[in-house]
PDB file of all heavy atoms in Angstrom:
ATOM      1  N   LEU A   1      51.239   6.632 -24.495  1.00  0.00           N
ATOM      2  CA  LEU A   1      52.569   6.195 -24.876  1.00  0.00           C
ATOM      3  C   LEU A   1      53.551   6.240 -23.699  1.00  0.00           C
ATOM      4  O   LEU A   1      54.534   5.467 -23.681  1.00  0.00           O
ATOM      5  CB  LEU A   1      53.100   7.099 -26.000  1.00  0.00           C
ATOM      6  CG  LEU A   1      52.321   7.040 -27.337  1.00  0.00           C
ATOM      7  CD1 LEU A   1      52.888   8.049 -28.323  1.00  0.00           C
ATOM      8  CD2 LEU A   1      52.374   5.650 -27.926  1.00  0.00           C
ATOM      9  N   PHE A   2      53.326   7.139 -22.762  1.00  0.00           N
ATOM     10  CA  PHE A   2      54.220   7.300 -21.642  1.00  0.00           C
ATOM     11  C   PHE A   2      53.436   7.345 -20.336  1.00  0.00           C
ATOM     12  O   PHE A   2      52.250   7.704 -20.326  1.00  0.00           O
ATOM     13  CB  PHE A   2      55.052   8.616 -21.788  1.00  0.00           C
ATOM     14  CG  PHE A   2      55.911   8.644 -23.018  1.00  0.00           C
ATOM     15  CD1 PHE A   2      55.437   9.278 -24.186  1.00  0.00           C
ATOM     16  CD2 PHE A   2      57.137   8.038 -23.015  1.00  0.00           C
ATOM     17  CE1 PHE A   2      56.247   9.294 -25.333  1.00  0.00           C
ATOM     18  CE2 PHE A   2      57.928   8.062 -24.150  1.00  0.00           C
ATOM     19  CZ  PHE A   2      57.475   8.702 -25.318  1.00  0.00           C
ATOM     20  N   PRO A   3      54.066   6.986 -19.226  1.00  0.00           N
ATOM     21  CA  PRO A   3      53.376   7.042 -17.919  1.00  0.00           C
ATOM     22  C   PRO A   3      53.064   8.471 -17.515  1.00  0.00           C
ATOM     23  O   PRO A   3      53.795   9.381 -17.877  1.00  0.00           O
ATOM     24  CB  PRO A   3      54.357   6.379 -16.949  1.00  0.00           C
ATOM     25  CG  PRO A   3      55.692   6.523 -17.604  1.00  0.00           C
ATOM     26  CD  PRO A   3      55.434   6.465 -19.085  1.00  0.00           C
ATOM     27  N   THR A   4      51.967   8.609 -16.784  1.00  0.00           N
ATOM     28  CA  THR A   4      51.558   9.957 -16.339  1.00  0.00           C
ATOM     29  C   THR A   4      52.423  10.481 -15.228  1.00  0.00           C
ATOM     30  O   THR A   4      52.719  11.679 -15.160  1.00  0.00           O
ATOM     31  CB  THR A   4      50.092   9.906 -15.883  1.00  0.00           C
ATOM     32  OG1 THR A   4      49.293   9.357 -16.947  1.00  0.00           O
ATOM     33  CG2 THR A   4      49.583  11.296 -15.546  1.00  0.00           C
ATOM     34  N   TYR A   5      52.849   9.584 -14.336  1.00  0.00           N
ATOM     35  CA  TYR A   5      53.662  10.018 -13.190  1.00  0.00           C
ATOM     36  C   TYR A   5      54.524   8.826 -12.757  1.00  0.00           C
ATOM     37  O   TYR A   5      54.350   7.704 -13.226  1.00  0.00           O
ATOM     38  CB  TYR A   5      52.766  10.512 -12.029  1.00  0.00           C
ATOM     39  CG  TYR A   5      51.851   9.440 -11.503  1.00  0.00           C
ATOM     40  CD1 TYR A   5      52.262   8.617 -10.433  1.00  0.00           C
ATOM     41  CD2 TYR A   5      50.587   9.227 -12.028  1.00  0.00           C
ATOM     42  CE1 TYR A   5      51.426   7.630  -9.949  1.00  0.00           C
ATOM     43  CE2 TYR A   5      49.750   8.233 -11.522  1.00  0.00           C
ATOM     44  CZ  TYR A   5      50.170   7.470 -10.485  1.00  0.00           C
ATOM     45  OH  TYR A   5      49.348   6.478 -10.004  1.00  0.00           O
ATOM     46  N   GLY A   6      55.398   9.094 -11.774  1.00  0.00           N
ATOM     47  CA  GLY A   6      56.248   8.041 -11.231  1.00  0.00           C
ATOM     48  C   GLY A   6      57.602   7.954 -11.904  1.00  0.00           C
ATOM     49  O   GLY A   6      57.865   8.578 -12.935  1.00  0.00           O
ATOM     50  N   TYR A   7      58.464   7.110 -11.292  1.00  0.00           N
ATOM     51  CA  TYR A   7      59.832   6.978 -11.787  1.00  0.00           C
ATOM     52  C   TYR A   7      60.281   5.544 -11.637  1.00  0.00           C
ATOM     53  O   TYR A   7      60.043   4.886 -10.609  1.00  0.00           O
ATOM     54  CB  TYR A   7      60.785   7.892 -11.013  1.00  0.00           C
ATOM     55  CG  TYR A   7      62.248   7.645 -11.287  1.00  0.00           C
ATOM     56  CD1 TYR A   7      62.814   8.021 -12.478  1.00  0.00           C
ATOM     57  CD2 TYR A   7      63.054   7.034 -10.329  1.00  0.00           C
ATOM     58  CE1 TYR A   7      64.139   7.806 -12.753  1.00  0.00           C
ATOM     59  CE2 TYR A   7      64.394   6.838 -10.566  1.00  0.00           C
ATOM     60  CZ  TYR A   7      64.944   7.202 -11.783  1.00  0.00           C
ATOM     61  OH  TYR A   7      66.279   7.014 -12.040  1.00  0.00           O
ATOM     62  N   THR A   8      60.905   5.009 -12.671  1.00  0.00           N
ATOM     63  CA  THR A   8      61.491   3.662 -12.651  1.00  0.00           C
ATOM     64  C   THR A   8      63.001   3.822 -12.630  1.00  0.00           C
ATOM     65  O   THR A   8      63.579   4.438 -13.523  1.00  0.00           O
ATOM     66  CB  THR A   8      61.071   2.878 -13.899  1.00  0.00           C
ATOM     67  OG1 THR A   8      59.657   2.799 -13.976  1.00  0.00           O
ATOM     68  CG2 THR A   8      61.659   1.468 -13.851  1.00  0.00           C
ATOM     69  N   PRO A   9      63.690   3.274 -11.608  1.00  0.00           N
ATOM     70  CA  PRO A   9      65.148   3.405 -11.520  1.00  0.00           C
ATOM     71  C   PRO A   9      65.852   2.749 -12.734  1.00  0.00           C
ATOM     72  O   PRO A   9      65.362   1.753 -13.284  1.00  0.00           O
ATOM     73  CB  PRO A   9      65.507   2.668 -10.229  1.00  0.00           C
ATOM     74  CG  PRO A   9      64.247   2.693  -9.415  1.00  0.00           C
ATOM     75  CD  PRO A   9      63.124   2.599 -10.429  1.00  0.00           C
ATOM     76  N   TRP A  10      66.978   3.336 -13.117  1.00  0.00           N
ATOM     77  CA  TRP A  10      67.733   2.819 -14.248  1.00  0.00           C
ATOM     78  C   TRP A  10      68.232   1.406 -13.989  1.00  0.00           C
ATOM     79  O   TRP A  10      68.314   0.598 -14.915  1.00  0.00           O
ATOM     80  CB  TRP A  10      68.928   3.721 -14.524  1.00  0.00           C
ATOM     81  CG  TRP A  10      68.590   5.076 -15.058  1.00  0.00           C
ATOM     82  CD1 TRP A  10      68.446   6.226 -14.330  1.00  0.00           C
ATOM     83  CD2 TRP A  10      68.317   5.414 -16.409  1.00  0.00           C
ATOM     84  NE1 TRP A  10      68.102   7.279 -15.165  1.00  0.00           N
ATOM     85  CE2 TRP A  10      68.017   6.816 -16.443  1.00  0.00           C
ATOM     86  CE3 TRP A  10      68.296   4.713 -17.617  1.00  0.00           C
ATOM     87  CZ2 TRP A  10      67.713   7.510 -17.624  1.00  0.00           C
ATOM     88  CZ3 TRP A  10      67.977   5.387 -18.807  1.00  0.00           C
ATOM     89  CH2 TRP A  10      67.695   6.751 -18.804  1.00  0.00           C
ATOM     90  N   SER A  11      68.548   1.091 -12.716  1.00  0.00           N
ATOM     91  CA  SER A  11      69.058  -0.212 -12.371  1.00  0.00           C
ATOM     92  C   SER A  11      68.036  -1.315 -12.542  1.00  0.00           C
ATOM     93  O   SER A  11      68.355  -2.474 -12.776  1.00  0.00           O
ATOM     94  CB  SER A  11      69.599  -0.224 -10.937  1.00  0.00           C
ATOM     95  OG  SER A  11      68.581   0.164 -10.026  1.00  0.00           O
ATOM     96  N   GLU A  12      66.745  -0.964 -12.405  1.00  0.00           N
ATOM     97  CA  GLU A  12      65.661  -1.962 -12.530  1.00  0.00           C
ATOM     98  C   GLU A  12      65.244  -2.156 -13.991  1.00  0.00           C
ATOM     99  O   GLU A  12      65.063  -3.272 -14.440  1.00  0.00           O
ATOM    100  CB  GLU A  12      64.456  -1.518 -11.707  1.00  0.00           C
ATOM    101  CG  GLU A  12      64.724  -1.491 -10.194  1.00  0.00           C
ATOM    102  CD  GLU A  12      63.483  -1.091  -9.411  1.00  0.00           C
ATOM    103  OE1 GLU A  12      62.403  -0.968 -10.030  1.00  0.00           O
ATOM    104  OE2 GLU A  12      63.582  -0.917  -8.207  1.00  0.00           O
ATOM    105  N   ASP A  13      65.060  -1.061 -14.712  1.00  0.00           N
ATOM    106  CA  ASP A  13      64.581  -1.124 -16.074  1.00  0.00           C
ATOM    107  C   ASP A  13      65.025   0.114 -16.836  1.00  0.00           C
ATOM    108  O   ASP A  13      64.359   1.168 -16.734  1.00  0.00           O
ATOM    109  CB  ASP A  13      63.051  -1.264 -16.087  1.00  0.00           C
ATOM    110  CG  ASP A  13      62.488  -1.418 -17.489  1.00  0.00           C
ATOM    111  OD1 ASP A  13      63.285  -1.565 -18.453  1.00  0.00           O
ATOM    112  OD2 ASP A  13      61.246  -1.434 -17.639  1.00  0.00           O
ATOM    113  N   PRO A  14      66.119   0.052 -17.580  1.00  0.00           N
ATOM    114  CA  PRO A  14      66.593   1.264 -18.291  1.00  0.00           C
ATOM    115  C   PRO A  14      65.550   1.832 -19.245  1.00  0.00           C
ATOM    116  O   PRO A  14      65.386   3.059 -19.341  1.00  0.00           O
ATOM    117  CB  PRO A  14      67.833   0.751 -19.072  1.00  0.00           C
ATOM    118  CG  PRO A  14      68.284  -0.437 -18.265  1.00  0.00           C
ATOM    119  CD  PRO A  14      67.045  -1.059 -17.725  1.00  0.00           C
ATOM    120  N   LEU A  15      64.837   0.985 -19.978  1.00  0.00           N
ATOM    121  CA  LEU A  15      63.833   1.450 -20.880  1.00  0.00           C
ATOM    122  C   LEU A  15      62.665   2.131 -20.132  1.00  0.00           C
ATOM    123  O   LEU A  15      62.136   3.153 -20.511  1.00  0.00           O
ATOM    124  CB  LEU A  15      63.283   0.310 -21.744  1.00  0.00           C
ATOM    125  CG  LEU A  15      62.249   0.708 -22.809  1.00  0.00           C
ATOM    126  CD1 LEU A  15      62.835   1.740 -23.772  1.00  0.00           C
ATOM    127  CD2 LEU A  15      61.775  -0.544 -23.578  1.00  0.00           C
ATOM    128  N   GLY A  16      62.295   1.516 -18.981  1.00  0.00           N
ATOM    129  CA  GLY A  16      61.236   2.112 -18.156  1.00  0.00           C
ATOM    130  C   GLY A  16      61.686   3.452 -17.596  1.00  0.00           C
ATOM    131  O   GLY A  16      60.861   4.365 -17.474  1.00  0.00           O
ATOM    132  N   ALA A  17      62.940   3.542 -17.194  1.00  0.00           N
ATOM    133  CA  ALA A  17      63.463   4.822 -16.692  1.00  0.00           C
ATOM    134  C   ALA A  17      63.408   5.894 -17.764  1.00  0.00           C
ATOM    135  O   ALA A  17      63.032   7.039 -17.496  1.00  0.00           O
ATOM    136  CB  ALA A  17      64.900   4.627 -16.181  1.00  0.00           C
ATOM    137  N   LEU A  18      63.791   5.509 -18.970  1.00  0.00           N
ATOM    138  CA  LEU A  18      63.748   6.456 -20.078  1.00  0.00           C
ATOM    139  C   LEU A  18      62.331   6.905 -20.386  1.00  0.00           C
ATOM    140  O   LEU A  18      62.074   8.094 -20.646  1.00  0.00           O
ATOM    141  CB  LEU A  18      64.401   5.844 -21.330  1.00  0.00           C
ATOM    142  CG  LEU A  18      64.538   6.760 -22.571  1.00  0.00           C
ATOM    143  CD1 LEU A  18      65.432   7.943 -22.226  1.00  0.00           C
ATOM    144  CD2 LEU A  18      65.151   5.964 -23.729  1.00  0.00           C
ATOM    145  N   ARG A  19      61.385   5.977 -20.345  1.00  0.00           N
ATOM    146  CA  ARG A  19      59.965   6.323 -20.597  1.00  0.00           C
ATOM    147  C   ARG A  19      59.426   7.241 -19.496  1.00  0.00           C
ATOM    148  O   ARG A  19      58.658   8.172 -19.786  1.00  0.00           O
ATOM    149  CB  ARG A  19      59.122   5.042 -20.674  1.00  0.00           C
ATOM    150  CG  ARG A  19      59.408   4.209 -21.886  1.00  0.00           C
ATOM    151  CD  ARG A  19      58.483   2.985 -21.961  1.00  0.00           C
ATOM    152  NE  ARG A  19      57.118   3.387 -22.297  1.00  0.00           N
ATOM    153  CZ  ARG A  19      56.079   3.295 -21.484  1.00  0.00           C
ATOM    154  NH1 ARG A  19      56.264   2.837 -20.234  1.00  0.00           N
ATOM    155  NH2 ARG A  19      54.880   3.669 -21.864  1.00  0.00           N
ATOM    156  N   SER A  20      59.831   7.009 -18.254  1.00  0.00           N
ATOM    157  CA  SER A  20      59.330   7.854 -17.155  1.00  0.00           C
ATOM    158  C   SER A  20      59.935   9.246 -17.163  1.00  0.00           C
ATOM    159  O   SER A  20      59.337  10.182 -16.603  1.00  0.00           O
ATOM    160  CB  SER A  20      59.580   7.154 -15.816  1.00  0.00           C
ATOM    161  OG  SER A  20      60.985   7.019 -15.562  1.00  0.00           O
ATOM    162  N   LEU A  21      61.112   9.396 -17.756  1.00  0.00           N
ATOM    163  CA  LEU A  21      61.797  10.689 -17.774  1.00  0.00           C
ATOM    164  C   LEU A  21      61.636  11.450 -19.077  1.00  0.00           C
ATOM    165  O   LEU A  21      61.994  12.635 -19.155  1.00  0.00           O
ATOM    166  CB  LEU A  21      63.279  10.507 -17.491  1.00  0.00           C
ATOM    167  CG  LEU A  21      63.661  10.052 -16.077  1.00  0.00           C
ATOM    168  CD1 LEU A  21      65.152   9.737 -16.010  1.00  0.00           C
ATOM    169  CD2 LEU A  21      63.311  11.142 -15.039  1.00  0.00           C
ATOM    170  N   PHE A  22      61.113  10.787 -20.101  1.00  0.00           N
ATOM    171  CA  PHE A  22      61.084  11.423 -21.426  1.00  0.00           C
ATOM    172  C   PHE A  22      60.168  12.652 -21.428  1.00  0.00           C
ATOM    173  O   PHE A  22      60.600  13.751 -21.883  1.00  0.00           O
ATOM    174  CB  PHE A  22      60.582  10.426 -22.488  1.00  0.00           C
ATOM    175  CG  PHE A  22      60.544  11.018 -23.865  1.00  0.00           C
ATOM    176  CD1 PHE A  22      61.706  11.113 -24.620  1.00  0.00           C
ATOM    177  CD2 PHE A  22      59.342  11.467 -24.433  1.00  0.00           C
ATOM    178  CE1 PHE A  22      61.682  11.661 -25.908  1.00  0.00           C
ATOM    179  CE2 PHE A  22      59.303  12.038 -25.689  1.00  0.00           C
ATOM    180  CZ  PHE A  22      60.470  12.125 -26.415  1.00  0.00           C
ATOM    181  N   LEU A  23      58.977  12.541 -20.975  1.00  0.00           N
ATOM    182  CA  LEU A  23      58.041  13.687 -20.989  1.00  0.00           C
ATOM    183  C   LEU A  23      58.515  14.856 -20.087  1.00  0.00           C
ATOM    184  O   LEU A  23      58.489  15.998 -20.506  1.00  0.00           O
ATOM    185  CB  LEU A  23      56.639  13.259 -20.616  1.00  0.00           C
ATOM    186  CG  LEU A  23      55.876  12.413 -21.642  1.00  0.00           C
ATOM    187  CD1 LEU A  23      54.436  12.200 -21.182  1.00  0.00           C
ATOM    188  CD2 LEU A  23      55.881  13.091 -23.026  1.00  0.00           C
ATOM    189  N   PRO A  24      58.960  14.546 -18.850  1.00  0.00           N
ATOM    190  CA  PRO A  24      59.510  15.643 -18.034  1.00  0.00           C
ATOM    191  C   PRO A  24      60.702  16.332 -18.700  1.00  0.00           C
ATOM    192  O   PRO A  24      60.805  17.577 -18.651  1.00  0.00           O
ATOM    193  CB  PRO A  24      59.901  14.969 -16.724  1.00  0.00           C
ATOM    194  CG  PRO A  24      59.133  13.733 -16.663  1.00  0.00           C
ATOM    195  CD  PRO A  24      58.900  13.290 -18.078  1.00  0.00           C
ATOM    196  N   SER A  25      61.590  15.573 -19.302  1.00  0.00           N
ATOM    197  CA  SER A  25      62.753  16.140 -19.955  1.00  0.00           C
ATOM    198  C   SER A  25      62.322  16.994 -21.157  1.00  0.00           C
ATOM    199  O   SER A  25      62.866  18.068 -21.395  1.00  0.00           O
ATOM    200  CB  SER A  25      63.710  15.046 -20.433  1.00  0.00           C
ATOM    201  OG  SER A  25      64.154  14.256 -19.363  1.00  0.00           O
ATOM    202  N   LEU A  26      61.340  16.523 -21.902  1.00  0.00           N
ATOM    203  CA  LEU A  26      60.850  17.258 -23.060  1.00  0.00           C
ATOM    204  C   LEU A  26      60.172  18.542 -22.627  1.00  0.00           C
ATOM    205  O   LEU A  26      60.345  19.608 -23.282  1.00  0.00           O
ATOM    206  CB  LEU A  26      59.866  16.382 -23.849  1.00  0.00           C
ATOM    207  CG  LEU A  26      59.363  16.968 -25.187  1.00  0.00           C
ATOM    208  CD1 LEU A  26      60.509  17.274 -26.117  1.00  0.00           C
ATOM    209  CD2 LEU A  26      58.371  16.023 -25.835  1.00  0.00           C
TER     210      LEU A  26
END
């Protein structure tokens, strides 16, 4: 459901940024 690693900037893809930060934040 979520990427294992890496980061997508908010300016490029807000949804991708949220997906990349969701698991670390949780």
